[in-house]
Amino acid sequence: MFDFLTVKAVLSVLFFINLFTFCLYAYDKVISKIGKVKLRVSERGLLLWTFLFGSFGAFCGIFMLRHKTRHKNFLILVPLSLAVHIALISFLLLKLSLLSL
């Protein structure tokens, strides 16, 4: 059965995935300004980390750093991914809380 420590561990993992994703967006932004094309993170890589529960970090990376704001793929897929992740996590937390009653 899931307990508080399991939920805390899952939330910690999600925090670090989102922090890593945000750092990827920041790194790609800095490298793009320098002009080192070979060192950049691919768009596929950025979106992959977004879909692997890094959507909040990606959302912050896009709008705080103003990175990838001209790409419609990012402006559509990142908020959509964030909404799906919030719904999924909310559903799972609700289900866990109902199981513990």
N, C-alpha and C. Protein backbone atom coordinates (compact mmCIF):
# COMPACT_ATOMS: atom_id res chain seq x y z
N MET A 1 0.86 -1.19 0.00
CA MET A 1 0.00 0.00 0.00
C MET A 1 0.90 1.24 0.00
N PHE A 2 0.40 2.29 -0.57
CA PHE A 2 1.14 3.54 -0.63
C PHE A 2 1.00 4.27 0.69
N ASP A 3 2.08 4.85 1.13
CA ASP A 3 2.04 5.66 2.34
C ASP A 3 2.62 7.04 2.03
N PHE A 4 2.73 7.84 3.06
CA PHE A 4 3.19 9.21 2.90
C PHE A 4 4.60 9.27 2.32
N LEU A 5 5.48 8.36 2.76
CA LEU A 5 6.86 8.38 2.26
C LEU A 5 6.93 8.06 0.78
N THR A 6 6.06 7.18 0.30
CA THR A 6 6.04 6.85 -1.12
C THR A 6 5.60 8.06 -1.94
N VAL A 7 4.56 8.73 -1.48
CA VAL A 7 4.08 9.92 -2.18
C VAL A 7 5.16 11.00 -2.15
N LYS A 8 5.81 11.15 -1.02
CA LYS A 8 6.89 12.14 -0.91
C LYS A 8 8.04 11.81 -1.86
N ALA A 9 8.37 10.53 -1.98
CA ALA A 9 9.45 10.12 -2.88
C ALA A 9 9.08 10.39 -4.34
N VAL A 10 7.84 10.09 -4.71
CA VAL A 10 7.38 10.34 -6.08
C VAL A 10 7.41 11.83 -6.39
N LEU A 11 6.94 12.64 -5.45
CA LEU A 11 6.95 14.09 -5.66
C LEU A 11 8.38 14.63 -5.73
N SER A 12 9.30 14.04 -4.99
CA SER A 12 10.70 14.45 -5.07
C SER A 12 11.29 14.12 -6.44
N VAL A 13 10.98 12.94 -6.94
CA VAL A 13 11.45 12.56 -8.28
C VAL A 13 10.89 13.51 -9.33
N LEU A 14 9.61 13.83 -9.22
CA LEU A 14 8.99 14.77 -10.16
C LEU A 14 9.65 16.14 -10.09
N PHE A 15 9.98 16.57 -8.88
CA PHE A 15 10.66 17.86 -8.71
C PHE A 15 11.99 17.87 -9.47
N PHE A 16 12.78 16.81 -9.29
CA PHE A 16 14.10 16.77 -9.93
C PHE A 16 14.00 16.60 -11.45
N ILE A 17 13.00 15.88 -11.93
CA ILE A 17 12.80 15.77 -13.38
C ILE A 17 12.47 17.14 -13.96
N ASN A 18 11.62 17.89 -13.27
CA ASN A 18 11.25 19.22 -13.75
C ASN A 18 12.41 20.20 -13.64
N LEU A 19 13.20 20.09 -12.59
CA LEU A 19 14.37 20.94 -12.45
C LEU A 19 15.37 20.66 -13.58
N PHE A 20 15.59 19.37 -13.88
CA PHE A 20 16.49 18.98 -14.95
C PHE A 20 15.97 19.50 -16.30
N THR A 21 14.66 19.37 -16.53
CA THR A 21 14.08 19.84 -17.79
C THR A 21 14.24 21.35 -17.93
N PHE A 22 14.00 22.09 -16.85
CA PHE A 22 14.20 23.53 -16.89
C PHE A 22 15.65 23.87 -17.21
N CYS A 23 16.58 23.14 -16.59
CA CYS A 23 18.01 23.37 -16.85
C CYS A 23 18.37 23.06 -18.31
N LEU A 24 17.73 22.04 -18.89
CA LEU A 24 17.96 21.75 -20.31
C LEU A 24 17.52 22.93 -21.18
N TYR A 25 16.35 23.49 -20.89
CA TYR A 25 15.87 24.64 -21.65
C TYR A 25 16.81 25.84 -21.46
N ALA A 26 17.28 26.05 -20.23
CA ALA A 26 18.20 27.16 -19.97
C ALA A 26 19.52 26.95 -20.69
N TYR A 27 20.05 25.73 -20.64
CA TYR A 27 21.30 25.41 -21.33
C TYR A 27 21.15 25.64 -22.83
N ASP A 28 20.05 25.15 -23.41
CA ASP A 28 19.84 25.32 -24.84
C ASP A 28 19.71 26.79 -25.21
N LYS A 29 19.10 27.57 -24.35
CA LYS A 29 18.96 29.02 -24.59
C LYS A 29 20.34 29.68 -24.61
N VAL A 30 21.17 29.36 -23.64
CA VAL A 30 22.51 29.96 -23.57
C VAL A 30 23.34 29.55 -24.77
N ILE A 31 23.32 28.27 -25.11
CA ILE A 31 24.10 27.77 -26.25
C ILE A 31 23.60 28.38 -27.56
N SER A 32 22.29 28.60 -27.66
CA SER A 32 21.76 29.20 -28.89
C SER A 32 22.25 30.64 -29.05
N LYS A 33 22.41 31.35 -27.94
CA LYS A 33 22.92 32.72 -28.00
C LYS A 33 24.39 32.75 -28.39
N ILE A 34 25.14 31.76 -27.94
CA ILE A 34 26.56 31.68 -28.27
C ILE A 34 26.74 31.29 -29.73
N GLY A 35 25.85 30.44 -30.23
CA GLY A 35 25.91 30.03 -31.62
C GLY A 35 26.59 28.69 -31.86
N LYS A 36 26.76 27.90 -30.83
CA LYS A 36 27.38 26.58 -30.95
C LYS A 36 26.31 25.55 -31.30
N VAL A 37 26.10 25.35 -32.59
CA VAL A 37 25.01 24.49 -33.06
C VAL A 37 25.19 23.04 -32.62
N LYS A 38 26.42 22.54 -32.62
CA LYS A 38 26.66 21.14 -32.29
C LYS A 38 26.38 20.81 -30.82
N LEU A 39 26.43 21.80 -29.95
CA LEU A 39 26.22 21.56 -28.52
C LEU A 39 24.77 21.71 -28.08
N ARG A 40 23.90 22.09 -28.98
CA ARG A 40 22.50 22.34 -28.61
C ARG A 40 21.75 21.06 -28.34
N VAL A 41 20.70 21.20 -27.54
CA VAL A 41 19.80 20.09 -27.26
C VAL A 41 18.77 20.06 -28.39
N SER A 42 18.51 18.90 -28.94
CA SER A 42 17.55 18.81 -30.05
C SER A 42 16.14 19.11 -29.55
N GLU A 43 15.31 19.56 -30.47
CA GLU A 43 13.92 19.81 -30.12
C GLU A 43 13.24 18.53 -29.66
N ARG A 44 13.61 17.43 -30.29
CA ARG A 44 13.07 16.12 -29.89
C ARG A 44 13.45 15.81 -28.44
N GLY A 45 14.70 16.11 -28.07
CA GLY A 45 15.16 15.87 -26.71
C GLY A 45 14.43 16.73 -25.70
N LEU A 46 14.22 18.00 -26.05
CA LEU A 46 13.48 18.89 -25.15
C LEU A 46 12.04 18.40 -24.95
N LEU A 47 11.40 18.01 -26.05
CA LEU A 47 10.03 17.53 -25.93
C LEU A 47 9.97 16.17 -25.22
N LEU A 48 10.98 15.35 -25.40
CA LEU A 48 11.00 14.06 -24.70
C LEU A 48 11.00 14.26 -23.19
N TRP A 49 11.85 15.15 -22.70
CA TRP A 49 11.88 15.42 -21.27
C TRP A 49 10.60 16.11 -20.80
N THR A 50 9.98 16.87 -21.69
CA THR A 50 8.69 17.48 -21.36
C THR A 50 7.64 16.40 -21.13
N PHE A 51 7.61 15.40 -22.01
CA PHE A 51 6.61 14.34 -21.91
C PHE A 51 6.91 13.36 -20.78
N LEU A 52 8.17 13.28 -20.34
CA LEU A 52 8.53 12.40 -19.23
C LEU A 52 8.33 13.11 -17.88
N PHE A 53 7.20 13.74 -17.74
CA PHE A 53 6.77 14.44 -16.52
C PHE A 53 7.63 15.65 -16.19
N GLY A 54 8.29 16.24 -17.19
CA GLY A 54 9.03 17.47 -16.98
C GLY A 54 8.29 18.67 -17.55
N SER A 55 6.98 18.56 -17.65
CA SER A 55 6.19 19.59 -18.33
C SER A 55 6.17 20.92 -17.57
N PHE A 56 6.19 20.89 -16.24
CA PHE A 56 6.21 22.15 -15.50
C PHE A 56 7.54 22.86 -15.69
N GLY A 57 8.63 22.12 -15.67
CA GLY A 57 9.95 22.72 -15.92
C GLY A 57 10.05 23.27 -17.33
N ALA A 58 9.47 22.55 -18.29
CA ALA A 58 9.47 23.02 -19.68
C ALA A 58 8.62 24.28 -19.82
N PHE A 59 7.46 24.29 -19.17
CA PHE A 59 6.57 25.46 -19.22
C PHE A 59 7.29 26.68 -18.65
N CYS A 60 7.96 26.50 -17.52
CA CYS A 60 8.72 27.61 -16.93
C CYS A 60 9.88 28.02 -17.84
N GLY A 61 10.53 27.04 -18.46
CA GLY A 61 11.63 27.34 -19.35
C GLY A 61 11.20 28.14 -20.56
N ILE A 62 10.04 27.80 -21.09
CA ILE A 62 9.54 28.52 -22.27
C ILE A 62 9.16 29.95 -21.92
N PHE A 63 8.42 30.13 -20.84
CA PHE A 63 7.86 31.45 -20.58
C PHE A 63 8.73 32.33 -19.69
N MET A 64 9.57 31.74 -18.84
CA MET A 64 10.47 32.56 -18.03
C MET A 64 11.71 32.95 -18.83
N LEU A 65 12.21 32.00 -19.63
CA LEU A 65 13.42 32.26 -20.40
C LEU A 65 13.12 32.75 -21.82
N ARG A 66 11.86 32.71 -22.19
CA ARG A 66 11.43 33.07 -23.54
C ARG A 66 12.19 32.26 -24.59
N HIS A 67 12.21 30.96 -24.36
CA HIS A 67 12.93 30.06 -25.25
C HIS A 67 11.92 29.18 -25.97
N LYS A 68 12.07 29.06 -27.27
CA LYS A 68 11.19 28.26 -28.14
C LYS A 68 9.78 28.85 -28.23
N THR A 69 9.65 30.14 -28.03
CA THR A 69 8.32 30.77 -28.10
C THR A 69 7.84 30.98 -29.52
N ARG A 70 8.72 30.84 -30.51
CA ARG A 70 8.32 31.00 -31.91
C ARG A 70 7.94 29.67 -32.56
N HIS A 71 8.08 28.58 -31.82
CA HIS A 71 7.78 27.26 -32.35
C HIS A 71 6.40 26.83 -31.88
N LYS A 72 5.49 26.66 -32.84
CA LYS A 72 4.11 26.30 -32.50
C LYS A 72 4.04 24.95 -31.80
N ASN A 73 4.94 24.02 -32.18
CA ASN A 73 4.94 22.72 -31.51
C ASN A 73 5.09 22.87 -30.00
N PHE A 74 5.99 23.72 -29.59
CA PHE A 74 6.24 23.91 -28.16
C PHE A 74 5.10 24.67 -27.50
N LEU A 75 4.57 25.67 -28.19
CA LEU A 75 3.49 26.46 -27.60
C LEU A 75 2.20 25.67 -27.44
N ILE A 76 2.05 24.60 -28.20
CA ILE A 76 0.86 23.75 -28.09
C ILE A 76 1.14 22.54 -27.20
N LEU A 77 2.23 21.84 -27.46
CA LEU A 77 2.48 20.57 -26.78
C LEU A 77 2.88 20.71 -25.31
N VAL A 78 3.62 21.74 -24.96
CA VAL A 78 4.05 21.88 -23.57
C VAL A 78 2.88 22.19 -22.64
N PRO A 79 2.02 23.19 -22.92
CA PRO A 79 0.87 23.39 -22.04
C PRO A 79 -0.09 22.20 -22.03
N LEU A 80 -0.25 21.55 -23.18
CA LEU A 80 -1.11 20.36 -23.24
C LEU A 80 -0.53 19.24 -22.36
N SER A 81 0.76 19.04 -22.46
CA SER A 81 1.42 18.03 -21.63
C SER A 81 1.29 18.38 -20.15
N LEU A 82 1.44 19.64 -19.81
CA LEU A 82 1.29 20.08 -18.42
C LEU A 82 -0.12 19.78 -17.91
N ALA A 83 -1.13 20.08 -18.72
CA ALA A 83 -2.51 19.82 -18.32
C ALA A 83 -2.76 18.32 -18.11
N VAL A 84 -2.22 17.51 -19.00
CA VAL A 84 -2.38 16.05 -18.87
C VAL A 84 -1.67 15.56 -17.62
N HIS A 85 -0.48 16.05 -17.36
CA HIS A 85 0.27 15.62 -16.18
C HIS A 85 -0.43 16.04 -14.89
N ILE A 86 -0.95 17.25 -14.85
CA ILE A 86 -1.68 17.71 -13.66
C ILE A 86 -2.91 16.85 -13.44
N ALA A 87 -3.64 16.55 -14.50
CA ALA A 87 -4.84 15.71 -14.37
C ALA A 87 -4.47 14.31 -13.90
N LEU A 88 -3.42 13.74 -14.47
CA LEU A 88 -3.00 12.39 -14.11
C LEU A 88 -2.53 12.31 -12.66
N ILE A 89 -1.71 13.26 -12.25
CA ILE A 89 -1.21 13.27 -10.87
C ILE A 89 -2.35 13.52 -9.89
N SER A 90 -3.25 14.43 -10.23
CA SER A 90 -4.41 14.69 -9.37
C SER A 90 -5.27 13.44 -9.22
N PHE A 91 -5.50 12.76 -10.34
CA PHE A 91 -6.29 11.52 -10.30
C PHE A 91 -5.62 10.47 -9.41
N LEU A 92 -4.31 10.30 -9.58
CA LEU A 92 -3.60 9.30 -8.78
C LEU A 92 -3.59 9.65 -7.30
N LEU A 93 -3.37 10.92 -6.98
CA LEU A 93 -3.39 11.33 -5.57
C LEU A 93 -4.78 11.17 -4.97
N LEU A 94 -5.81 11.47 -5.73
CA LEU A 94 -7.17 11.29 -5.25
C LEU A 94 -7.46 9.81 -5.03
N LYS A 95 -7.04 9.00 -5.97
CA LYS A 95 -7.24 7.56 -5.84
C LYS A 95 -6.51 7.00 -4.63
N LEU A 96 -5.27 7.47 -4.41
CA LEU A 96 -4.51 7.02 -3.25
C LEU A 96 -5.17 7.46 -1.95
N SER A 97 -5.68 8.68 -1.93
CA SER A 97 -6.33 9.15 -0.70
C SER A 97 -7.62 8.38 -0.44
N LEU A 98 -8.34 7.98 -1.48
CA LEU A 98 -9.55 7.20 -1.28
C LEU A 98 -9.23 5.76 -0.85
N LEU A 99 -8.09 5.24 -1.30
CA LEU A 99 -7.69 3.90 -0.90
C LEU A 99 -7.30 3.84 0.57
N SER A 100 -6.77 4.94 1.09
CA SER A 100 -6.31 4.95 2.48
C SER A 100 -7.42 5.17 3.48
N LEU A 101 -8.64 5.45 3.01
CA LEU A 101 -9.76 5.66 3.94
C LEU A 101 -10.24 4.39 4.56
